Amino acid sequence: MLTRKELLTEIKNYIFITVGLAIFVLGWSAFMTPFEVTGGGVAGIAAVLYFATKFPIGITTFVINAILIAIAWKVLGTKFCISSLICTVILSVFFSIGQAVFTEPLVDDMFMSVIIGASLAAVGVGIAINWGGNTGGLDIVALMIGKYRNISYGKVNIIANFIIVGSSFFILNDIPKLVYSFVVLFVYMFVSDYVIDGYRQTYQFMVFSKKNEEIAARINKELHRGATFLKGYGSYNRQESDVLLIIAHRTDKVRVSRIIKEIDDSAFVTITKTASVFGKNFDKLKL
């Protein structure tokens, strides 16, 4: 039984997931599908089948995702698969509405339309994944692989997506549309990786200050984050000193910087982006 706090958290998560899926479908339905341009994933498969048979994208998306969810049930667990099923239903409903509403593209220029559509779709899927959702299909496959290996979301999808996009040529027999579909694929891959990884971006602070104890105490109290003291030795002044090492999430970067500035405006500080951080309060190491 969920507590009131947990229930409110779940509701908030699904609000953001729904918004993300709506943006994803908007990119497809309003900017790409009317031009008969496709992309990767199950949505790409459904679009290719739609171009060939006029069978609704929403229904095809639901059927394929339902099969993949059934396969993934044991690997990814009941909670994830139930969440995926909910996302699949939402996605299918949005696709059905989107196809009915957007019979013509919102932007007349084909190139601009596919760029906007691919970007919106990528931002949408990034929002959905960052709040615990997904668009099903290859997202499920990517997350299944990601459960055991540290592989980029975009890299997991790239081979299958090339096959899906390439298959559209045999339906449409149109090289310009095939080229635009590959443009969609690359834009989508780049933007989705940026949104997903950017959201999880972490920073490493190295603080050289005589007030490191006070800085660490405020970080512990206000941010509920730990900090580590390292022993340093200055090559110029030949004096020992404590170096404060702090790992902070993107959302804490400004607050950590402000604390350092308020306590010691003359502190020497280096801030670097980290590729990955694993351990308590961060990601889980997968090998």
Foldseek 3Di string as FASTA:
>chain_A
DDDPVRVVLVVVLVVLLLVLLLLLLCLCLQQALLVLAAFFWQLLLLSLVCLQPVDQSLVSQLVQLVVLLVVCPVQVHDVLSVLANVLSNSNSVSSVVSNVPRNDHPDPDNLVRLLSSLLSSLLSQLSNVVSSYHSGGVQSVLVSVVVADPDQSLVSGPVRRLVSLVVSCVRVVDVVSSVSRVVSHVSSSVNNSCSNVVQFKKKKKKKFDPCVVVLQVCCCVPVVFHKDWDWDADPVVRDIGTIIIGMGGPVCVVVSVVSCCVVDVPIDMDMDIDPADDDPPHHHDHD
